Amino acid sequence: MLLDATSGQVIASKNPDERVEPASLTKIMTSYLIFQALRDKTLDLNQQVTVSTNAWKVAPGSSKMFLEPGMHVSIDDLLSGLLIQSGNDAAVALAEAAAGSEAAFVQRMNDTAERMGLKSTHFNSPHGLPDPQTYSTARDLATLTSRVIRDFPDLYVRYDHVKSFRFNNITQPNRNRLLWSDPSVDGGKTGHTEAAGYCMIASALRPGAAGQRRLIAVVMGTPSDKVRTAATGMLLNWGFQNYETVKLYAKGQSIGNSTVWKGQQPQVLVGFDRDIYATVPRAWVPRLQKVITHQGPLVAPLTLDSQVGTADVQVDGRTIQSYPIVALQPVEQGGMLSRGWDSMRLWVYGLMKEQPPA
């Protein structure tokens, strides 16, 4: 699956909603919750964590950063162990530091997945070792990755692009091989179990028509490290070469006025509550059209960002994406006299079976 993180559009996909085992891609959610705790100041990068026996003994023979019981390790080093070395022991240590126990942390993971709208995702551990109750989809994992990058850009950059990490006198490389071969790739995560195969998420940032453009590629279930790396790199290159992202409207940009009935003012400025982008094949860019539809009649009170219409992006008359148009200012309810007058006018329009001005 290939997602344009700027526009939020899926460029290419094959079975994006098929439930799969995420393996170590689970650690993306683990990192999101730790980043959240750092932002909320319930954890600190320099904070020392005492490694528990529970963290040390997790899945002998699996990927680890080689923690030892009783060892004092900073949150900073544990995050490097989690995201660069893919340490399952680091995942458990971080979970215990953030929530007191693995179980409590896993509950937070699932609560967060629900809030993000990851409808086909469930976690049963902070590391993603094989478990029938740990599953996700390519679409959900792409969405999760885009949220990490959007919500915590500084922390994402701090860890995800680092090629190796040395801890406890052991240096381990990042398993994201694209970090060596493609300078535009600045992060992602790999995973592997016998059941899941070789999985990979990679994100790349390259110049585009609307500024820096980010793509996120998700590849699941490949037979080898070499295949997953090649497939992910090819997907990213194909997306950048064949598609373009165009900025259509800016956040807060007014596109005109809409009529308001029963309000303290007769009209309201309308526009967008976010930057609006469209991702299309490069050949389509000159044929893009924007079709504005106003809802009506609008009756006060209106709150800031109330939806008042729709902007459809079309190519050759076919809608490829729709975006909400919102009120850029609140409109309070008018006085009794003006409300009564507007009620009568709306009643007359209804009798005449005409649409009131929008």
Protein backbone atom coordinates (compact mmCIF):
# COMPACT_ATOMS: atom_id res chain seq x y z
CA MET A 1 0.00 0.00 0.00
CA LEU A 2 1.18 3.54 -0.77
CA LEU A 3 -0.16 6.57 1.11
CA ASP A 4 0.48 10.24 0.39
CA ALA A 5 0.82 11.60 3.92
CA THR A 6 0.29 15.21 2.80
CA SER A 7 -3.11 14.69 1.16
CA GLY A 8 -4.08 11.54 3.06
CA GLN A 9 -4.90 9.79 -0.21
CA VAL A 10 -4.09 6.15 -0.95
CA ILE A 11 -2.23 6.03 -4.26
CA ALA A 12 -1.97 2.26 -4.63
CA SER A 13 -3.11 -0.74 -2.64
CA LYS A 14 -3.59 -4.47 -2.73
CA ASN A 15 -5.65 -6.04 0.05
CA PRO A 16 -5.14 -2.97 2.29
CA ASP A 17 -7.84 -4.10 4.73
CA GLU A 18 -6.78 -7.73 5.03
CA ARG A 19 -6.11 -8.61 8.65
CA VAL A 20 -2.45 -9.57 9.11
CA GLU A 21 0.06 -10.16 11.86
CA PRO A 22 2.03 -6.90 12.30
CA ALA A 23 5.07 -8.44 14.02
CA SER A 24 7.47 -5.68 15.14
CA LEU A 25 5.45 -3.00 13.34
CA THR A 26 3.51 -3.13 16.62
CA LYS A 27 6.36 -1.06 18.06
CA ILE A 28 5.16 1.94 16.06
CA MET A 29 2.19 2.18 18.42
CA THR A 30 4.48 1.60 21.40
CA SER A 31 6.66 4.51 20.29
CA TYR A 32 3.59 6.70 19.72
CA LEU A 33 2.48 6.25 23.34
CA ILE A 34 5.98 6.90 24.68
CA PHE A 35 6.26 10.03 22.54
CA GLN A 36 2.89 11.09 23.93
CA ALA A 37 4.13 10.57 27.49
CA LEU A 38 7.23 12.65 26.73
CA ARG A 39 5.07 15.44 25.34
CA ASP A 40 2.81 15.30 28.41
CA LYS A 41 5.89 15.24 30.68
CA THR A 42 4.91 12.01 32.44
CA LEU A 43 8.20 10.64 31.12
CA ASP A 44 11.53 12.33 30.40
CA LEU A 45 14.22 11.30 27.92
CA ASN A 46 16.87 11.37 30.66
CA GLN A 47 14.73 9.43 33.12
CA GLN A 48 16.38 6.21 34.29
CA VAL A 49 14.37 2.99 34.18
CA THR A 50 15.28 -0.08 36.22
CA VAL A 51 15.05 -3.12 33.96
CA SER A 52 12.70 -5.78 35.33
CA THR A 53 13.15 -9.54 35.07
CA ASN A 54 9.98 -9.53 33.00
CA ALA A 55 11.59 -7.27 30.39
CA TRP A 56 14.87 -9.19 30.41
CA LYS A 57 13.36 -12.65 29.90
CA VAL A 58 10.96 -11.83 27.04
CA ALA A 59 11.14 -14.35 24.17
CA PRO A 60 14.70 -15.74 24.29
CA GLY A 61 16.24 -15.71 20.83
CA SER A 62 14.09 -12.84 19.56
CA SER A 63 15.40 -9.38 18.65
CA LYS A 64 16.71 -7.55 21.71
CA MET A 65 18.85 -4.63 22.82
CA PHE A 66 20.32 -6.98 25.47
CA LEU A 67 19.05 -5.43 28.67
CA GLU A 68 19.94 -7.08 31.98
CA PRO A 69 17.84 -7.29 35.16
CA GLY A 70 18.45 -4.38 37.53
CA MET A 71 20.23 -2.34 34.85
CA HIS A 72 19.43 1.40 34.82
CA VAL A 73 18.67 2.64 31.31
CA SER A 74 17.41 6.02 30.08
CA ILE A 75 14.16 6.42 28.18
CA ASP A 76 16.28 7.85 25.36
CA ASP A 77 18.36 4.67 25.08
CA LEU A 78 15.28 2.47 25.38
CA LEU A 79 13.65 4.30 22.47
CA SER A 80 16.81 3.77 20.41
CA GLY A 81 16.72 0.11 21.38
CA LEU A 82 13.05 -0.08 20.39
CA LEU A 83 13.17 1.72 17.05
CA ILE A 84 16.71 1.10 15.79
CA GLN A 85 17.45 -2.36 17.23
CA SER A 86 13.79 -3.50 17.41
CA GLY A 87 14.37 -4.75 20.95
CA ASN A 88 11.46 -6.69 22.43
CA ASP A 89 13.03 -6.21 25.86
CA ALA A 90 13.04 -2.43 25.26
CA ALA A 91 9.33 -2.56 24.39
CA VAL A 92 8.48 -4.22 27.70
CA ALA A 93 10.72 -1.89 29.72
CA LEU A 94 9.12 1.17 28.12
CA ALA A 95 5.61 -0.20 28.65
CA GLU A 96 6.29 -0.79 32.34
CA ALA A 97 7.84 2.67 32.73
CA ALA A 98 4.89 4.40 31.09
CA ALA A 99 1.96 2.46 32.54
CA GLY A 100 3.26 0.36 35.44
CA SER A 101 2.61 -2.94 33.70
CA GLU A 102 2.45 -4.49 30.25
CA ALA A 103 -1.28 -5.11 30.60
CA ALA A 104 -2.06 -1.49 31.44
CA PHE A 105 0.09 -0.28 28.56
CA VAL A 106 -1.58 -2.66 26.09
CA GLN A 107 -4.94 -1.27 27.15
CA ARG A 108 -3.64 2.21 26.30
CA MET A 109 -2.48 0.92 22.92
CA ASN A 110 -5.94 -0.39 22.09
CA ASP A 111 -7.67 2.73 23.40
CA THR A 112 -5.41 4.86 21.21
CA ALA A 113 -6.03 2.64 18.18
CA GLU A 114 -9.77 3.10 18.68
CA ARG A 115 -9.44 6.89 18.95
CA MET A 116 -7.38 6.95 15.74
CA GLY A 117 -10.07 5.00 13.91
CA LEU A 118 -7.89 1.91 13.41
CA LYS A 119 -10.92 -0.36 13.19
CA SER A 120 -9.09 -3.55 12.21
CA THR A 121 -6.27 -3.33 14.74
CA HIS A 122 -5.82 -4.96 18.14
CA PHE A 123 -2.72 -5.37 20.27
CA ASN A 124 -1.91 -7.90 22.97
CA SER A 125 1.70 -6.86 23.64
CA PRO A 126 4.00 -3.85 23.21
CA HIS A 127 6.38 -5.81 20.94
CA GLY A 128 4.25 -7.78 18.45
CA LEU A 129 5.56 -11.30 19.01
CA PRO A 130 3.15 -13.91 17.55
CA ASP A 131 -0.25 -13.80 19.22
CA PRO A 132 -3.71 -14.37 17.68
CA GLN A 133 -4.94 -11.27 19.52
CA THR A 134 -2.37 -9.02 17.83
CA TYR A 135 -3.43 -8.04 14.33
CA SER A 136 -3.72 -5.06 12.01
CA THR A 137 -3.99 -4.08 8.33
CA ALA A 138 -1.76 -2.24 5.89
CA ARG A 139 -4.21 0.67 5.88
CA ASP A 140 -4.26 0.97 9.67
CA LEU A 141 -0.48 0.73 9.91
CA ALA A 142 -0.03 3.45 7.29
CA THR A 143 -2.45 5.67 9.20
CA LEU A 144 -0.62 5.01 12.47
CA THR A 145 2.75 5.84 10.91
CA SER A 146 1.42 9.09 9.47
CA ARG A 147 0.13 10.05 12.93
CA VAL A 148 3.55 9.46 14.50
CA ILE A 149 5.17 11.70 11.88
CA ARG A 150 2.47 14.37 12.09
CA ASP A 151 2.08 14.48 15.88
CA PHE A 152 5.73 14.01 16.89
CA PRO A 153 7.95 15.12 13.99
CA ASP A 154 10.98 15.95 16.14
CA LEU A 155 10.96 12.62 17.96
CA TYR A 156 10.34 10.72 14.72
CA VAL A 157 13.44 12.30 13.17
CA ARG A 158 15.47 11.73 16.35
CA TYR A 159 15.22 7.94 16.13
CA ASP A 160 13.80 6.56 12.90
CA HIS A 161 16.54 7.64 10.48
CA VAL A 162 19.45 6.47 12.66
CA LYS A 163 21.38 3.66 10.96
CA SER A 164 22.82 1.89 14.02
CA PHE A 165 22.89 1.98 17.81
CA ARG A 166 25.45 0.68 20.29
CA PHE A 167 24.32 -0.50 23.71
CA ASN A 168 25.89 -2.83 26.27
CA ASN A 169 28.98 -3.03 24.02
CA ILE A 170 26.89 -4.43 21.16
CA THR A 171 26.31 -2.44 17.94
CA GLN A 172 23.24 -3.38 15.92
CA PRO A 173 22.16 -1.88 12.57
CA ASN A 174 18.75 -0.53 11.73
CA ARG A 175 17.00 -3.20 9.65
CA ASN A 176 15.51 -0.55 7.35
CA ARG A 177 18.01 -1.06 4.50
CA LEU A 178 16.57 1.83 2.50
CA LEU A 179 18.27 4.23 4.92
CA TRP A 180 21.54 3.32 3.17
CA SER A 181 20.31 3.26 -0.44
CA ASP A 182 17.76 6.12 -0.60
CA PRO A 183 18.63 9.46 1.04
CA SER A 184 14.99 10.58 0.87
CA VAL A 185 13.92 7.77 3.23
CA ASP A 186 13.95 9.15 6.76
CA GLY A 187 12.34 6.38 8.78
CA GLY A 188 9.93 3.54 9.18
CA LYS A 189 9.98 0.10 10.77
CA THR A 190 10.57 -3.50 9.82
CA GLY A 191 9.13 -6.69 11.23
CA HIS A 192 9.48 -10.44 10.81
CA THR A 193 8.00 -13.62 12.20
CA GLU A 194 7.42 -16.97 10.51
CA ALA A 195 3.69 -16.27 10.28
CA ALA A 196 3.95 -12.61 9.26
CA GLY A 197 6.80 -12.98 6.79
CA TYR A 198 9.08 -10.00 6.19
CA CYS A 199 7.19 -6.72 6.65
CA MET A 200 8.24 -3.12 6.19
CA ILE A 201 6.99 0.43 6.48
CA ALA A 202 9.15 3.20 5.04
CA SER A 203 8.56 6.91 4.70
CA ALA A 204 10.31 9.21 2.24
CA LEU A 205 10.31 12.97 1.76
CA ARG A 206 11.03 14.53 -1.64
CA PRO A 207 10.36 17.93 -3.28
CA GLY A 208 7.02 18.33 -5.04
CA ALA A 209 4.79 20.98 -6.60
CA ALA A 210 3.29 21.86 -3.21
CA GLY A 211 6.59 21.77 -1.31
CA GLN A 212 8.08 18.79 0.47
CA ARG A 213 5.98 15.70 -0.23
CA ARG A 214 5.85 12.61 1.99
CA LEU A 215 4.91 9.09 0.92
CA ILE A 216 4.48 6.11 3.24
CA ALA A 217 4.83 2.60 1.80
CA VAL A 218 3.63 -0.54 3.57
CA VAL A 219 4.69 -4.01 2.42
CA MET A 220 3.53 -7.12 4.28
CA GLY A 221 4.25 -10.84 4.09
CA THR A 222 7.23 -10.95 1.72
CA PRO A 223 9.56 -14.00 1.69
CA SER A 224 12.83 -12.24 2.57
CA ASP A 225 14.53 -9.09 3.79
CA LYS A 226 15.85 -8.48 0.27
CA VAL A 227 12.39 -8.72 -1.30
CA ARG A 228 10.70 -6.43 1.22
CA THR A 229 13.42 -3.79 0.77
CA ALA A 230 13.22 -3.92 -3.02
CA ALA A 231 9.41 -3.90 -3.06
CA THR A 232 9.17 -0.95 -0.67
CA GLY A 233 11.77 1.06 -2.57
CA MET A 234 10.08 0.39 -5.91
CA LEU A 235 6.70 1.42 -4.50
CA LEU A 236 8.08 4.73 -3.21
CA ASN A 237 9.88 5.52 -6.47
CA TRP A 238 6.80 4.67 -8.53
CA GLY A 239 4.63 6.98 -6.43
CA PHE A 240 7.00 9.94 -6.63
CA GLN A 241 7.59 9.51 -10.36
CA ASN A 242 3.99 9.03 -11.48
CA TYR A 243 1.88 11.07 -9.04
CA GLU A 244 1.86 14.69 -7.93
CA THR A 245 0.29 16.39 -4.93
CA VAL A 246 -1.29 19.79 -5.57
CA LYS A 247 -2.29 22.31 -2.91
CA LEU A 248 -5.82 23.53 -3.66
CA TYR A 249 -6.69 25.69 -0.66
CA ALA A 250 -4.94 26.98 2.46
CA LYS A 251 -6.21 26.59 6.00
CA GLY A 252 -8.39 29.58 6.87
CA GLN A 253 -8.64 30.69 3.22
CA SER A 254 -12.02 32.26 2.43
CA ILE A 255 -13.76 31.17 -0.76
CA GLY A 256 -16.71 33.55 -0.36
CA ASN A 257 -19.82 34.12 1.73
CA SER A 258 -22.93 32.07 2.48
CA THR A 259 -26.32 33.46 3.47
CA VAL A 260 -27.28 32.97 7.12
CA TRP A 261 -30.88 33.04 8.27
CA LYS A 262 -32.09 34.18 11.72
CA GLY A 263 -28.62 35.46 12.63
CA GLN A 264 -27.08 38.68 13.90
CA GLN A 265 -25.43 39.02 10.49
CA PRO A 266 -26.82 38.05 7.08
CA GLN A 267 -23.72 36.30 5.76
CA VAL A 268 -20.77 34.22 6.96
CA LEU A 269 -17.27 33.80 5.54
CA VAL A 270 -16.68 30.20 4.47
CA GLY A 271 -13.53 28.25 3.66
CA PHE A 272 -11.41 25.43 5.05
CA ASP A 273 -10.19 24.37 8.48
CA ARG A 274 -7.08 22.68 7.04
CA ASP A 275 -4.78 22.84 4.05
CA ILE A 276 -6.46 21.02 1.17
CA TYR A 277 -4.39 18.85 -1.18
CA ALA A 278 -5.17 16.42 -3.99
CA THR A 279 -2.88 13.63 -5.17
CA VAL A 280 -3.39 12.60 -8.80
CA PRO A 281 -1.44 11.11 -11.72
CA ARG A 282 0.81 13.80 -13.15
CA ALA A 283 -1.10 13.86 -16.45
CA TRP A 284 -4.29 14.78 -14.60
CA VAL A 285 -2.97 17.92 -12.92
CA PRO A 286 -3.96 20.35 -15.75
CA ARG A 287 -7.47 18.81 -15.80
CA LEU A 288 -8.25 19.26 -12.11
CA GLN A 289 -11.49 21.14 -11.40
CA LYS A 290 -13.01 22.33 -8.13
CA VAL A 291 -16.80 22.22 -7.70
CA ILE A 292 -18.26 24.06 -4.72
CA THR A 293 -21.63 23.06 -3.24
CA HIS A 294 -23.19 25.22 -0.51
CA GLN A 295 -25.53 23.68 2.04
CA GLY A 296 -28.66 25.59 2.80
CA PRO A 297 -30.50 27.15 4.23
CA LEU A 298 -28.00 27.93 7.01
CA VAL A 299 -29.79 28.88 10.21
CA ALA A 300 -28.07 30.62 13.13
CA PRO A 301 -26.50 29.98 15.52
CA LEU A 302 -23.43 28.75 13.64
CA THR A 303 -20.24 27.78 15.42
CA LEU A 304 -16.73 28.25 14.10
CA ASP A 305 -15.85 25.34 11.76
CA SER A 306 -19.47 24.23 11.29
CA GLN A 307 -19.74 22.44 7.95
CA VAL A 308 -21.62 24.62 5.46
CA GLY A 309 -20.79 22.97 2.15
CA THR A 310 -18.57 20.64 0.16
CA ALA A 311 -15.69 21.11 -2.27
CA ASP A 312 -15.41 18.32 -4.82
CA VAL A 313 -12.17 17.80 -6.71
CA GLN A 314 -12.99 16.45 -10.16
CA VAL A 315 -11.18 15.21 -13.25
CA ASP A 316 -13.25 15.09 -16.45
CA GLY A 317 -16.44 15.39 -14.39
CA ARG A 318 -15.57 12.52 -12.05
CA THR A 319 -15.18 13.32 -8.35
CA ILE A 320 -11.94 11.94 -6.95
CA GLN A 321 -12.01 13.60 -3.51
CA SER A 322 -14.41 15.66 -1.41
CA TYR A 323 -13.61 18.11 1.39
CA PRO A 324 -15.84 19.94 3.89
CA ILE A 325 -16.33 23.70 3.60
CA VAL A 326 -16.71 25.29 7.04
CA ALA A 327 -17.75 28.57 8.63
CA LEU A 328 -14.68 30.70 9.29
CA GLN A 329 -16.49 32.72 11.95
CA PRO A 330 -19.31 32.10 14.42
CA VAL A 331 -22.74 33.65 13.86
CA GLU A 332 -24.95 34.27 16.88
CA GLN A 333 -28.71 34.02 16.76
CA GLY A 334 -30.45 37.27 15.88
CA GLY A 335 -33.16 39.11 17.81
CA MET A 336 -36.77 38.03 17.95
CA LEU A 337 -37.88 40.42 15.20
CA SER A 338 -35.21 39.35 12.70
CA ARG A 339 -35.78 35.66 13.46
CA GLY A 340 -39.51 36.09 12.89
CA TRP A 341 -38.98 37.91 9.60
CA ASP A 342 -36.54 35.25 8.33
CA SER A 343 -38.92 32.47 9.41
CA MET A 344 -41.66 34.03 7.31
CA ARG A 345 -39.35 34.40 4.30
CA LEU A 346 -38.25 30.77 4.56
CA TRP A 347 -41.92 29.72 4.76
CA VAL A 348 -42.67 31.64 1.58
CA TYR A 349 -39.74 30.00 -0.21
CA GLY A 350 -41.14 26.66 0.90
CA LEU A 351 -44.59 27.45 -0.50
CA MET A 352 -43.03 28.45 -3.79
CA LYS A 353 -40.90 25.29 -3.73
CA GLU A 354 -37.81 27.38 -4.31
CA GLN A 355 -34.42 26.97 -2.68
CA PRO A 356 -33.53 29.97 -0.45
CA PRO A 357 -30.28 31.80 -1.30
CA ALA A 358 -27.26 29.91 0.06
